[in-house]
Amino acid sequence: MDVAIDVPAQVLNKYLARVVKPPSHFYRIDEEYIITEQRADGYYSVFFKLRPDDPPIGAYQRTNCFERIMYLEESEAVMHDILKLEQRTEDSVNDKPEIVHVPTEKQKYEQLSLF
């Protein structure tokens, strides 16, 4: 009697990558996606940049379609730092200085004589 043993799926590293040669009409040059290392079958998976944990949107064998920018964990740290900086900038913009009304002297007007 054979017993089926579940083999844990191979964990592939993910990378932030930029499209250099679109593999299909769906992709645009310079758009950024998340790609995996090549699997044992020679394919690598492509994910949306903002949803790397969703199912892949494609799988390709041609390795010249994407240019790896950085390891995904590094890019997440960079994005976290950028969001933090943007939040600080937004907070400082929202901190409006208190406006204090200072009464001024009433101006005196004189009639202008042209002749």
PDB file of N, CA and C in Angstrom:
ATOM      1  N   MET A   1       0.841  -1.169   0.000  1.00  0.00           N
ATOM      2  CA  MET A   1       0.000   0.000   0.000  1.00  0.00           C
ATOM      3  C   MET A   1       0.887   1.234   0.000  1.00  0.00           C
ATOM      4  N   ASP A   2       0.688   2.122  -0.992  1.00  0.00           N
ATOM      5  CA  ASP A   2       1.463   3.352  -1.086  1.00  0.00           C
ATOM      6  C   ASP A   2       0.760   4.465  -0.327  1.00  0.00           C
ATOM      7  N   VAL A   3       1.559   5.207   0.395  1.00  0.00           N
ATOM      8  CA  VAL A   3       1.018   6.339   1.144  1.00  0.00           C
ATOM      9  C   VAL A   3       1.542   7.621   0.490  1.00  0.00           C
ATOM     10  N   ALA A   4       0.638   8.528   0.178  1.00  0.00           N
ATOM     11  CA  ALA A   4       1.039   9.787  -0.433  1.00  0.00           C
ATOM     12  C   ALA A   4       1.529  10.729   0.671  1.00  0.00           C
ATOM     13  N   ILE A   5       2.698  11.259   0.453  1.00  0.00           N
ATOM     14  CA  ILE A   5       3.279  12.182   1.420  1.00  0.00           C
ATOM     15  C   ILE A   5       3.295  13.566   0.773  1.00  0.00           C
ATOM     16  N   ASP A   6       2.763  14.543   1.496  1.00  0.00           N
ATOM     17  CA  ASP A   6       2.780  15.913   0.977  1.00  0.00           C
ATOM     18  C   ASP A   6       4.187  16.461   1.072  1.00  0.00           C
ATOM     19  N   VAL A   7       4.708  16.865  -0.071  1.00  0.00           N
ATOM     20  CA  VAL A   7       6.029  17.479  -0.112  1.00  0.00           C
ATOM     21  C   VAL A   7       5.817  18.984  -0.039  1.00  0.00           C
ATOM     22  N   PRO A   8       6.492  19.666   0.913  1.00  0.00           N
ATOM     23  CA  PRO A   8       6.283  21.118   0.984  1.00  0.00           C
ATOM     24  C   PRO A   8       6.704  21.796  -0.313  1.00  0.00           C
ATOM     25  N   ALA A   9       5.899  22.743  -0.738  1.00  0.00           N
ATOM     26  CA  ALA A   9       6.193  23.467  -1.974  1.00  0.00           C
ATOM     27  C   ALA A   9       7.500  24.234  -1.816  1.00  0.00           C
ATOM     28  N   GLN A  10       8.254  24.276  -2.881  1.00  0.00           N
ATOM     29  CA  GLN A  10       9.518  24.988  -2.858  1.00  0.00           C
ATOM     30  C   GLN A  10       9.245  26.485  -2.747  1.00  0.00           C
ATOM     31  N   VAL A  11       9.891  27.129  -1.780  1.00  0.00           N
ATOM     32  CA  VAL A  11       9.715  28.565  -1.599  1.00  0.00           C
ATOM     33  C   VAL A  11      10.700  29.268  -2.523  1.00  0.00           C
ATOM     34  N   LEU A  12      10.169  30.043  -3.448  1.00  0.00           N
ATOM     35  CA  LEU A  12      11.000  30.752  -4.406  1.00  0.00           C
ATOM     36  C   LEU A  12      11.166  32.202  -3.969  1.00  0.00           C
ATOM     37  N   ASN A  13      12.352  32.713  -4.141  1.00  0.00           N
ATOM     38  CA  ASN A  13      12.594  34.126  -3.838  1.00  0.00           C
ATOM     39  C   ASN A  13      11.829  34.979  -4.825  1.00  0.00           C
ATOM     40  N   LYS A  14      11.336  36.107  -4.323  1.00  0.00           N
ATOM     41  CA  LYS A  14      10.620  37.044  -5.185  1.00  0.00           C
ATOM     42  C   LYS A  14      11.448  38.312  -5.333  1.00  0.00           C
ATOM     43  N   TYR A  15      11.322  38.923  -6.521  1.00  0.00           N
ATOM     44  CA  TYR A  15      12.097  40.119  -6.838  1.00  0.00           C
ATOM     45  C   TYR A  15      11.185  41.196  -7.416  1.00  0.00           C
ATOM     46  N   LEU A  16      11.516  42.431  -7.122  1.00  0.00           N
ATOM     47  CA  LEU A  16      10.885  43.550  -7.795  1.00  0.00           C
ATOM     48  C   LEU A  16      11.570  43.633  -9.155  1.00  0.00           C
ATOM     49  N   ALA A  17      10.787  43.692 -10.222  1.00  0.00           N
ATOM     50  CA  ALA A  17      11.360  43.677 -11.569  1.00  0.00           C
ATOM     51  C   ALA A  17      10.643  44.685 -12.462  1.00  0.00           C
ATOM     52  N   ARG A  18      11.351  45.131 -13.475  1.00  0.00           N
ATOM     53  CA  ARG A  18      10.834  46.112 -14.433  1.00  0.00           C
ATOM     54  C   ARG A  18      10.730  45.434 -15.796  1.00  0.00           C
ATOM     55  N   VAL A  19       9.662  45.741 -16.518  1.00  0.00           N
ATOM     56  CA  VAL A  19       9.460  45.178 -17.858  1.00  0.00           C
ATOM     57  C   VAL A  19      10.431  45.852 -18.826  1.00  0.00           C
ATOM     58  N   VAL A  20      11.219  45.047 -19.546  1.00  0.00           N
ATOM     59  CA  VAL A  20      12.120  45.583 -20.561  1.00  0.00           C
ATOM     60  C   VAL A  20      11.697  45.145 -21.960  1.00  0.00           C
ATOM     61  N   LYS A  21      11.153  43.949 -22.082  1.00  0.00           N
ATOM     62  CA  LYS A  21      10.596  43.449 -23.350  1.00  0.00           C
ATOM     63  C   LYS A  21       9.276  42.771 -23.003  1.00  0.00           C
ATOM     64  N   PRO A  22       8.154  43.457 -23.217  1.00  0.00           N
ATOM     65  CA  PRO A  22       6.865  42.907 -22.803  1.00  0.00           C
ATOM     66  C   PRO A  22       6.615  41.506 -23.359  1.00  0.00           C
ATOM     67  N   PRO A  23       6.308  40.541 -22.469  1.00  0.00           N
ATOM     68  CA  PRO A  23       6.027  39.183 -22.936  1.00  0.00           C
ATOM     69  C   PRO A  23       4.653  39.065 -23.596  1.00  0.00           C
ATOM     70  N   SER A  24       3.763  40.056 -23.355  1.00  0.00           N
ATOM     71  CA  SER A  24       2.452  40.078 -24.013  1.00  0.00           C
ATOM     72  C   SER A  24       1.961  41.524 -24.058  1.00  0.00           C
ATOM     73  N   HIS A  25       0.827  41.740 -24.703  1.00  0.00           N
ATOM     74  CA  HIS A  25       0.287  43.097 -24.835  1.00  0.00           C
ATOM     75  C   HIS A  25      -0.188  43.668 -23.500  1.00  0.00           C
ATOM     76  N   PHE A  26      -0.343  42.839 -22.486  1.00  0.00           N
ATOM     77  CA  PHE A  26      -0.799  43.266 -21.162  1.00  0.00           C
ATOM     78  C   PHE A  26       0.235  44.144 -20.454  1.00  0.00           C
ATOM     79  N   TYR A  27       1.497  43.922 -20.735  1.00  0.00           N
ATOM     80  CA  TYR A  27       2.586  44.616 -20.035  1.00  0.00           C
ATOM     81  C   TYR A  27       3.059  45.842 -20.807  1.00  0.00           C
ATOM     82  N   ARG A  28       3.545  46.832 -20.080  1.00  0.00           N
ATOM     83  CA  ARG A  28       4.103  48.042 -20.669  1.00  0.00           C
ATOM     84  C   ARG A  28       5.552  48.179 -20.208  1.00  0.00           C
ATOM     85  N   ILE A  29       6.413  48.669 -21.079  1.00  0.00           N
ATOM     86  CA  ILE A  29       7.822  48.859 -20.732  1.00  0.00           C
ATOM     87  C   ILE A  29       7.920  49.795 -19.538  1.00  0.00           C
ATOM     88  N   ASP A  30       8.816  49.483 -18.641  1.00  0.00           N
ATOM     89  CA  ASP A  30       9.120  50.222 -17.404  1.00  0.00           C
ATOM     90  C   ASP A  30       8.095  50.035 -16.292  1.00  0.00           C
ATOM     91  N   GLU A  31       7.016  49.286 -16.502  1.00  0.00           N
ATOM     92  CA  GLU A  31       6.119  48.967 -15.398  1.00  0.00           C
ATOM     93  C   GLU A  31       6.834  47.999 -14.465  1.00  0.00           C
ATOM     94  N   GLU A  32       6.480  48.032 -13.195  1.00  0.00           N
ATOM     95  CA  GLU A  32       7.131  47.170 -12.210  1.00  0.00           C
ATOM     96  C   GLU A  32       6.174  46.087 -11.730  1.00  0.00           C
ATOM     97  N   TYR A  33       6.711  44.878 -11.609  1.00  0.00           N
ATOM     98  CA  TYR A  33       5.973  43.711 -11.142  1.00  0.00           C
ATOM     99  C   TYR A  33       6.863  42.942 -10.177  1.00  0.00           C
ATOM    100  N   ILE A  34       6.289  41.933  -9.554  1.00  0.00           N
ATOM    101  CA  ILE A  34       7.057  41.013  -8.719  1.00  0.00           C
ATOM    102  C   ILE A  34       7.218  39.724  -9.520  1.00  0.00           C
ATOM    103  N   ILE A  35       8.450  39.222  -9.601  1.00  0.00           N
ATOM    104  CA  ILE A  35       8.680  37.943 -10.286  1.00  0.00           C
ATOM    105  C   ILE A  35       9.402  37.008  -9.323  1.00  0.00           C
ATOM    106  N   THR A  36       9.266  35.708  -9.581  1.00  0.00           N
ATOM    107  CA  THR A  36       9.952  34.704  -8.767  1.00  0.00           C
ATOM    108  C   THR A  36      11.204  34.225  -9.487  1.00  0.00           C
ATOM    109  N   GLU A  37      11.985  33.460  -8.768  1.00  0.00           N
ATOM    110  CA  GLU A  37      13.089  32.755  -9.419  1.00  0.00           C
ATOM    111  C   GLU A  37      12.469  31.709 -10.344  1.00  0.00           C
ATOM    112  N   GLN A  38      13.257  31.187 -11.249  1.00  0.00           N
ATOM    113  CA  GLN A  38      12.730  30.139 -12.122  1.00  0.00           C
ATOM    114  C   GLN A  38      12.464  28.876 -11.315  1.00  0.00           C
ATOM    115  N   ARG A  39      11.330  28.265 -11.644  1.00  0.00           N
ATOM    116  CA  ARG A  39      10.962  27.003 -10.998  1.00  0.00           C
ATOM    117  C   ARG A  39      11.747  25.876 -11.657  1.00  0.00           C
ATOM    118  N   ALA A  40      11.562  24.688 -11.163  1.00  0.00           N
ATOM    119  CA  ALA A  40      12.242  23.515 -11.715  1.00  0.00           C
ATOM    120  C   ALA A  40      11.851  23.276 -13.173  1.00  0.00           C
ATOM    121  N   ASP A  41      10.620  23.670 -13.553  1.00  0.00           N
ATOM    122  CA  ASP A  41      10.171  23.470 -14.932  1.00  0.00           C
ATOM    123  C   ASP A  41      10.642  24.577 -15.875  1.00  0.00           C
ATOM    124  N   GLY A  42      11.412  25.551 -15.361  1.00  0.00           N
ATOM    125  CA  GLY A  42      11.965  26.601 -16.206  1.00  0.00           C
ATOM    126  C   GLY A  42      11.115  27.863 -16.282  1.00  0.00           C
ATOM    127  N   TYR A  43       9.938  27.852 -15.697  1.00  0.00           N
ATOM    128  CA  TYR A  43       9.059  29.019 -15.709  1.00  0.00           C
ATOM    129  C   TYR A  43       9.276  29.859 -14.451  1.00  0.00           C
ATOM    130  N   TYR A  44       8.993  31.153 -14.568  1.00  0.00           N
ATOM    131  CA  TYR A  44       8.946  32.022 -13.396  1.00  0.00           C
ATOM    132  C   TYR A  44       7.583  32.685 -13.390  1.00  0.00           C
ATOM    133  N   SER A  45       7.083  32.982 -12.205  1.00  0.00           N
ATOM    134  CA  SER A  45       5.752  33.574 -12.063  1.00  0.00           C
ATOM    135  C   SER A  45       5.848  35.081 -11.934  1.00  0.00           C
ATOM    136  N   VAL A  46       4.784  35.760 -12.373  1.00  0.00           N
ATOM    137  CA  VAL A  46       4.700  37.218 -12.316  1.00  0.00           C
ATOM    138  C   VAL A  46       3.479  37.588 -11.476  1.00  0.00           C
ATOM    139  N   PHE A  47       3.662  38.546 -10.560  1.00  0.00           N
ATOM    140  CA  PHE A  47       2.603  39.016  -9.677  1.00  0.00           C
ATOM    141  C   PHE A  47       2.483  40.531  -9.800  1.00  0.00           C
ATOM    142  N   PHE A  48       1.297  41.054  -9.481  1.00  0.00           N
ATOM    143  CA  PHE A  48       1.148  42.497  -9.402  1.00  0.00           C
ATOM    144  C   PHE A  48       2.038  43.024  -8.285  1.00  0.00           C
ATOM    145  N   LYS A  49       2.623  44.185  -8.496  1.00  0.00           N
ATOM    146  CA  LYS A  49       3.546  44.781  -7.534  1.00  0.00           C
ATOM    147  C   LYS A  49       2.875  45.021  -6.185  1.00  0.00           C
ATOM    148  N   LEU A  50       1.656  45.508  -6.199  1.00  0.00           N
ATOM    149  CA  LEU A  50       0.978  45.845  -4.951  1.00  0.00           C
ATOM    150  C   LEU A  50       0.251  44.676  -4.314  1.00  0.00           C
ATOM    151  N   ARG A  51       0.222  43.520  -5.001  1.00  0.00           N
ATOM    152  CA  ARG A  51      -0.450  42.343  -4.449  1.00  0.00           C
ATOM    153  C   ARG A  51       0.397  41.091  -4.668  1.00  0.00           C
ATOM    154  N   PRO A  52       1.588  41.046  -4.059  1.00  0.00           N
ATOM    155  CA  PRO A  52       2.473  39.907  -4.315  1.00  0.00           C
ATOM    156  C   PRO A  52       1.986  38.588  -3.723  1.00  0.00           C
ATOM    157  N   ASP A  53       0.994  38.631  -2.809  1.00  0.00           N
ATOM    158  CA  ASP A  53       0.499  37.399  -2.199  1.00  0.00           C
ATOM    159  C   ASP A  53      -0.716  36.833  -2.921  1.00  0.00           C
ATOM    160  N   ASP A  54      -1.257  37.575  -3.893  1.00  0.00           N
ATOM    161  CA  ASP A  54      -2.359  37.067  -4.711  1.00  0.00           C
ATOM    162  C   ASP A  54      -1.814  36.020  -5.682  1.00  0.00           C
ATOM    163  N   PRO A  55      -2.692  35.275  -6.341  1.00  0.00           N
ATOM    164  CA  PRO A  55      -2.216  34.313  -7.354  1.00  0.00           C
ATOM    165  C   PRO A  55      -1.453  35.035  -8.466  1.00  0.00           C
ATOM    166  N   PRO A  56      -0.521  34.339  -9.118  1.00  0.00           N
ATOM    167  CA  PRO A  56       0.247  34.971 -10.200  1.00  0.00           C
ATOM    168  C   PRO A  56      -0.653  35.350 -11.379  1.00  0.00           C
ATOM    169  N   ILE A  57      -0.223  36.397 -12.086  1.00  0.00           N
ATOM    170  CA  ILE A  57      -0.975  36.838 -13.259  1.00  0.00           C
ATOM    171  C   ILE A  57      -0.392  36.270 -14.542  1.00  0.00           C
ATOM    172  N   GLY A  58       0.745  35.599 -14.446  1.00  0.00           N
ATOM    173  CA  GLY A  58       1.367  35.005 -15.617  1.00  0.00           C
ATOM    174  C   GLY A  58       2.571  34.174 -15.232  1.00  0.00           C
ATOM    175  N   ALA A  59       3.024  33.343 -16.159  1.00  0.00           N
ATOM    176  CA  ALA A  59       4.229  32.538 -15.976  1.00  0.00           C
ATOM    177  C   ALA A  59       4.934  32.450 -17.327  1.00  0.00           C
ATOM    178  N   TYR A  60       6.234  32.684 -17.324  1.00  0.00           N
ATOM    179  CA  TYR A  60       6.981  32.766 -18.577  1.00  0.00           C
ATOM    180  C   TYR A  60       8.306  32.029 -18.461  1.00  0.00           C
ATOM    181  N   GLN A  61       8.824  31.620 -19.609  1.00  0.00           N
ATOM    182  CA  GLN A  61      10.140  30.983 -19.668  1.00  0.00           C
ATOM    183  C   GLN A  61      11.204  31.960 -20.138  1.00  0.00           C
ATOM    184  N   ARG A  62      10.835  32.893 -21.002  1.00  0.00           N
ATOM    185  CA  ARG A  62      11.826  33.842 -21.529  1.00  0.00           C
ATOM    186  C   ARG A  62      12.320  34.729 -20.392  1.00  0.00           C
ATOM    187  N   THR A  63      13.601  34.728 -20.171  1.00  0.00           N
ATOM    188  CA  THR A  63      14.168  35.475 -19.046  1.00  0.00           C
ATOM    189  C   THR A  63      14.526  36.906 -19.405  1.00  0.00           C
ATOM    190  N   ASN A  64      14.414  37.290 -20.674  1.00  0.00           N
ATOM    191  CA  ASN A  64      14.807  38.642 -21.075  1.00  0.00           C
ATOM    192  C   ASN A  64      13.647  39.641 -21.030  1.00  0.00           C
ATOM    193  N   CYS A  65      12.488  39.244 -20.516  1.00  0.00           N
ATOM    194  CA  CYS A  65      11.317  40.135 -20.470  1.00  0.00           C
ATOM    195  C   CYS A  65      11.392  41.123 -19.310  1.00  0.00           C
ATOM    196  N   PHE A  66      11.974  40.693 -18.211  1.00  0.00           N
ATOM    197  CA  PHE A  66      12.024  41.514 -17.010  1.00  0.00           C
ATOM    198  C   PHE A  66      13.459  41.721 -16.559  1.00  0.00           C
ATOM    199  N   GLU A  67      13.699  42.882 -15.988  1.00  0.00           N
ATOM    200  CA  GLU A  67      15.001  43.198 -15.407  1.00  0.00           C
ATOM    201  C   GLU A  67      14.798  43.255 -13.894  1.00  0.00           C
ATOM    202  N   ARG A  68      15.520  42.418 -13.177  1.00  0.00           N
ATOM    203  CA  ARG A  68      15.397  42.421 -11.716  1.00  0.00           C
ATOM    204  C   ARG A  68      15.968  43.708 -11.149  1.00  0.00           C
ATOM    205  N   ILE A  69      15.228  44.332 -10.248  1.00  0.00           N
ATOM    206  CA  ILE A  69      15.691  45.557  -9.614  1.00  0.00           C
ATOM    207  C   ILE A  69      16.290  45.237  -8.252  1.00  0.00           C
ATOM    208  N   MET A  70      15.513  44.536  -7.418  1.00  0.00           N
ATOM    209  CA  MET A  70      16.017  44.169  -6.097  1.00  0.00           C
ATOM    210  C   MET A  70      15.172  43.056  -5.509  1.00  0.00           C
ATOM    211  N   TYR A  71      15.732  42.412  -4.511  1.00  0.00           N
ATOM    212  CA  TYR A  71      15.064  41.355  -3.776  1.00  0.00           C
ATOM    213  C   TYR A  71      13.823  41.947  -3.124  1.00  0.00           C
ATOM    214  N   LEU A  72      12.704  41.234  -3.108  1.00  0.00           N
ATOM    215  CA  LEU A  72      11.429  41.771  -2.654  1.00  0.00           C
ATOM    216  C   LEU A  72      11.482  42.298  -1.227  1.00  0.00           C
ATOM    217  N   GLU A  73      12.136  41.592  -0.323  1.00  0.00           N
ATOM    218  CA  GLU A  73      12.191  42.056   1.066  1.00  0.00           C
ATOM    219  C   GLU A  73      12.903  43.402   1.161  1.00  0.00           C
ATOM    220  N   GLU A  74      13.932  43.609   0.345  1.00  0.00           N
ATOM    221  CA  GLU A  74      14.626  44.896   0.330  1.00  0.00           C
ATOM    222  C   GLU A  74      13.695  45.983  -0.204  1.00  0.00           C
ATOM    223  N   SER A  75      12.933  45.665  -1.250  1.00  0.00           N
ATOM    224  CA  SER A  75      12.038  46.665  -1.838  1.00  0.00           C
ATOM    225  C   SER A  75      10.921  47.018  -0.862  1.00  0.00           C
ATOM    226  N   GLU A  76      10.456  46.042  -0.073  1.00  0.00           N
ATOM    227  CA  GLU A  76       9.426  46.325   0.923  1.00  0.00           C
ATOM    228  C   GLU A  76       9.963  47.279   1.984  1.00  0.00           C
ATOM    229  N   ALA A  77      11.213  47.101   2.383  1.00  0.00           N
ATOM    230  CA  ALA A  77      11.826  48.002   3.364  1.00  0.00           C
ATOM    231  C   ALA A  77      11.948  49.402   2.791  1.00  0.00           C
ATOM    232  N   VAL A  78      12.335  49.510   1.521  1.00  0.00           N
ATOM    233  CA  VAL A  78      12.461  50.812   0.869  1.00  0.00           C
ATOM    234  C   VAL A  78      11.087  51.476   0.774  1.00  0.00           C
ATOM    235  N   MET A  79      10.066  50.709   0.358  1.00  0.00           N
ATOM    236  CA  MET A  79       8.712  51.258   0.252  1.00  0.00           C
ATOM    237  C   MET A  79       8.210  51.724   1.616  1.00  0.00           C
ATOM    238  N   HIS A  80       8.514  50.955   2.663  1.00  0.00           N
ATOM    239  CA  HIS A  80       8.106  51.337   4.018  1.00  0.00           C
ATOM    240  C   HIS A  80       8.737  52.674   4.395  1.00  0.00           C
ATOM    241  N   ASP A  81      10.020  52.859   4.087  1.00  0.00           N
ATOM    242  CA  ASP A  81      10.709  54.115   4.378  1.00  0.00           C
ATOM    243  C   ASP A  81      10.112  55.273   3.583  1.00  0.00           C
ATOM    244  N   ILE A  82       9.763  55.036   2.326  1.00  0.00           N
ATOM    245  CA  ILE A  82       9.169  56.084   1.493  1.00  0.00           C
ATOM    246  C   ILE A  82       7.806  56.485   2.042  1.00  0.00           C
ATOM    247  N   LEU A  83       6.985  55.493   2.419  1.00  0.00           N
ATOM    248  CA  LEU A  83       5.672  55.799   2.967  1.00  0.00           C
ATOM    249  C   LEU A  83       5.780  56.571   4.274  1.00  0.00           C
ATOM    250  N   LYS A  84       6.775  56.210   5.088  1.00  0.00           N
ATOM    251  CA  LYS A  84       7.008  56.918   6.348  1.00  0.00           C
ATOM    252  C   LYS A  84       7.362  58.379   6.071  1.00  0.00           C
ATOM    253  N   LEU A  85       8.248  58.601   5.115  1.00  0.00           N
ATOM    254  CA  LEU A  85       8.666  59.954   4.751  1.00  0.00           C
ATOM    255  C   LEU A  85       7.481  60.756   4.202  1.00  0.00           C
ATOM    256  N   GLU A  86       6.671  60.131   3.349  1.00  0.00           N
ATOM    257  CA  GLU A  86       5.494  60.809   2.811  1.00  0.00           C
ATOM    258  C   GLU A  86       4.525  61.179   3.928  1.00  0.00           C
ATOM    259  N   GLN A  87       4.370  60.282   4.908  1.00  0.00           N
ATOM    260  CA  GLN A  87       3.464  60.561   6.023  1.00  0.00           C
ATOM    261  C   GLN A  87       3.970  61.741   6.839  1.00  0.00           C
ATOM    262  N   ARG A  88       5.290  61.786   7.090  1.00  0.00           N
ATOM    263  CA  ARG A  88       5.871  62.904   7.828  1.00  0.00           C
ATOM    264  C   ARG A  88       5.665  64.211   7.072  1.00  0.00           C
ATOM    265  N   THR A  89       5.874  64.173   5.761  1.00  0.00           N
ATOM    266  CA  THR A  89       5.699  65.368   4.934  1.00  0.00           C
ATOM    267  C   THR A  89       4.243  65.811   4.967  1.00  0.00           C
ATOM    268  N   GLU A  90       3.337  64.869   4.851  1.00  0.00           N
ATOM    269  CA  GLU A  90       1.907  65.185   4.878  1.00  0.00           C
ATOM    270  C   GLU A  90       1.514  65.769   6.233  1.00  0.00           C
ATOM    271  N   ASP A  91       2.051  65.208   7.314  1.00  0.00           N
ATOM    272  CA  ASP A  91       1.757  65.721   8.648  1.00  0.00           C
ATOM    273  C   ASP A  91       2.261  67.144   8.819  1.00  0.00           C
ATOM    274  N   SER A  92       3.455  67.422   8.301  1.00  0.00           N
ATOM    275  CA  SER A  92       3.996  68.777   8.445  1.00  0.00           C
ATOM    276  C   SER A  92       3.212  69.785   7.611  1.00  0.00           C
ATOM    277  N   VAL A  93       2.649  69.352   6.487  1.00  0.00           N
ATOM    278  CA  VAL A  93       1.826  70.243   5.666  1.00  0.00           C
ATOM    279  C   VAL A  93       0.512  70.532   6.387  1.00  0.00           C
ATOM    280  N   ASN A  94      -0.019  69.521   7.073  1.00  0.00           N
ATOM    281  CA  ASN A  94      -1.285  69.686   7.772  1.00  0.00           C
ATOM    282  C   ASN A  94      -1.143  70.510   9.051  1.00  0.00           C
ATOM    283  N   ASP A  95       0.054  70.677   9.571  1.00  0.00           N
ATOM    284  CA  ASP A  95       0.280  71.504  10.752  1.00  0.00           C
ATOM    285  C   ASP A  95       0.315  72.960  10.321  1.00  0.00           C
ATOM    286  N   LYS A  96      -0.853  73.582  10.340  1.00  0.00           N
ATOM    287  CA  LYS A  96      -0.940  74.974   9.903  1.00  0.00           C
ATOM    288  C   LYS A  96      -0.576  75.885  11.068  1.00  0.00           C
ATOM    289  N   PRO A  97       0.143  76.932  10.792  1.00  0.00           N
ATOM    290  CA  PRO A  97       0.462  77.860  11.878  1.00  0.00           C
ATOM    291  C   PRO A  97      -0.806  78.558  12.365  1.00  0.00           C
ATOM    292  N   GLU A  98      -0.814  78.876  13.643  1.00  0.00           N
ATOM    293  CA  GLU A  98      -1.965  79.546  14.219  1.00  0.00           C
ATOM    294  C   GLU A  98      -2.003  80.985  13.718  1.00  0.00           C
ATOM    295  N   ILE A  99      -3.169  81.406  13.277  1.00  0.00           N
ATOM    296  CA  ILE A  99      -3.315  82.767  12.755  1.00  0.00           C
ATOM    297  C   ILE A  99      -3.787  83.656  13.902  1.00  0.00           C
ATOM    298  N   VAL A 100      -3.044  84.684  14.132  1.00  0.00           N
ATOM    299  CA  VAL A 100      -3.390  85.624  15.194  1.00  0.00           C
ATOM    300  C   VAL A 100      -3.819  86.923  14.543  1.00  0.00           C
ATOM    301  N   HIS A 101      -4.991  87.416  14.929  1.00  0.00           N
ATOM    302  CA  HIS A 101      -5.497  88.673  14.362  1.00  0.00           C
ATOM    303  C   HIS A 101      -4.969  89.839  15.190  1.00  0.00           C
ATOM    304  N   VAL A 102      -4.226  90.715  14.561  1.00  0.00           N
ATOM    305  CA  VAL A 102      -3.683  91.897  15.220  1.00  0.00           C
ATOM    306  C   VAL A 102      -4.396  93.106  14.632  1.00  0.00           C
ATOM    307  N   PRO A 103      -5.111  93.850  15.469  1.00  0.00           N
ATOM    308  CA  PRO A 103      -5.819  95.015  14.926  1.00  0.00           C
ATOM    309  C   PRO A 103      -4.821  96.067  14.452  1.00  0.00           C
ATOM    310  N   THR A 104      -5.134  96.698  13.349  1.00  0.00           N
ATOM    311  CA  THR A 104      -4.266  97.737  12.802  1.00  0.00           C
ATOM    312  C   THR A 104      -4.957  99.081  12.936  1.00  0.00           C
ATOM    313  N   GLU A 105      -4.195 100.130  12.853  1.00  0.00           N
ATOM    314  CA  GLU A 105      -4.787 101.472  12.931  1.00  0.00           C
ATOM    315  C   GLU A 105      -5.619 101.711  11.687  1.00  0.00           C
ATOM    316  N   LYS A 106      -6.704 102.416  11.907  1.00  0.00           N
ATOM    317  CA  LYS A 106      -7.558 102.742  10.774  1.00  0.00           C
ATOM    318  C   LYS A 106      -6.838 103.752   9.887  1.00  0.00           C
ATOM    319  N   GLN A 107      -6.831 103.487   8.617  1.00  0.00           N
ATOM    320  CA  GLN A 107      -6.123 104.382   7.701  1.00  0.00           C
ATOM    321  C   GLN A 107      -6.917 105.672   7.515  1.00  0.00           C
ATOM    322  N   LYS A 108      -6.209 106.751   7.404  1.00  0.00           N
ATOM    323  CA  LYS A 108      -6.827 108.039   7.155  1.00  0.00           C
ATOM    324  C   LYS A 108      -6.731 108.334   5.670  1.00  0.00           C
ATOM    325  N   TYR A 109      -7.831 108.762   5.099  1.00  0.00           N
ATOM    326  CA  TYR A 109      -7.839 109.066   3.682  1.00  0.00           C
ATOM    327  C   TYR A 109      -7.962 110.574   3.494  1.00  0.00           C
ATOM    328  N   GLU A 110      -7.280 111.073   2.503  1.00  0.00           N
ATOM    329  CA  GLU A 110      -7.384 112.481   2.128  1.00  0.00           C
ATOM    330  C   GLU A 110      -7.813 112.561   0.681  1.00  0.00           C
ATOM    331  N   GLN A 111      -8.541 113.592   0.376  1.00  0.00           N
ATOM    332  CA  GLN A 111      -8.962 113.761  -0.995  1.00  0.00           C
ATOM    333  C   GLN A 111      -7.780 114.221  -1.816  1.00  0.00           C
ATOM    334  N   LEU A 112      -7.653 113.668  -2.956  1.00  0.00           N
ATOM    335  CA  LEU A 112      -6.567 114.002  -3.849  1.00  0.00           C
ATOM    336  C   LEU A 112      -6.975 115.192  -4.702  1.00  0.00           C
ATOM    337  N   SER A 113      -6.116 116.129  -4.773  1.00  0.00           N
ATOM    338  CA  SER A 113      -6.384 117.314  -5.567  1.00  0.00           C
ATOM    339  C   SER A 113      -5.559 117.220  -6.841  1.00  0.00           C
ATOM    340  N   LEU A 114      -6.218 117.201  -7.962  1.00  0.00           N
ATOM    341  CA  LEU A 114      -5.517 117.092  -9.227  1.00  0.00           C
ATOM    342  C   LEU A 114      -5.186 118.459  -9.815  1.00  0.00           C
ATOM    343  N   PHE A 115      -5.876 119.488  -9.457  1.00  0.00           N
ATOM    344  CA  PHE A 115      -5.630 120.799 -10.048  1.00  0.00           C
ATOM    345  C   PHE A 115      -5.182 121.768  -9.013  1.00  0.00           C
TER     346      PHE A 115
END
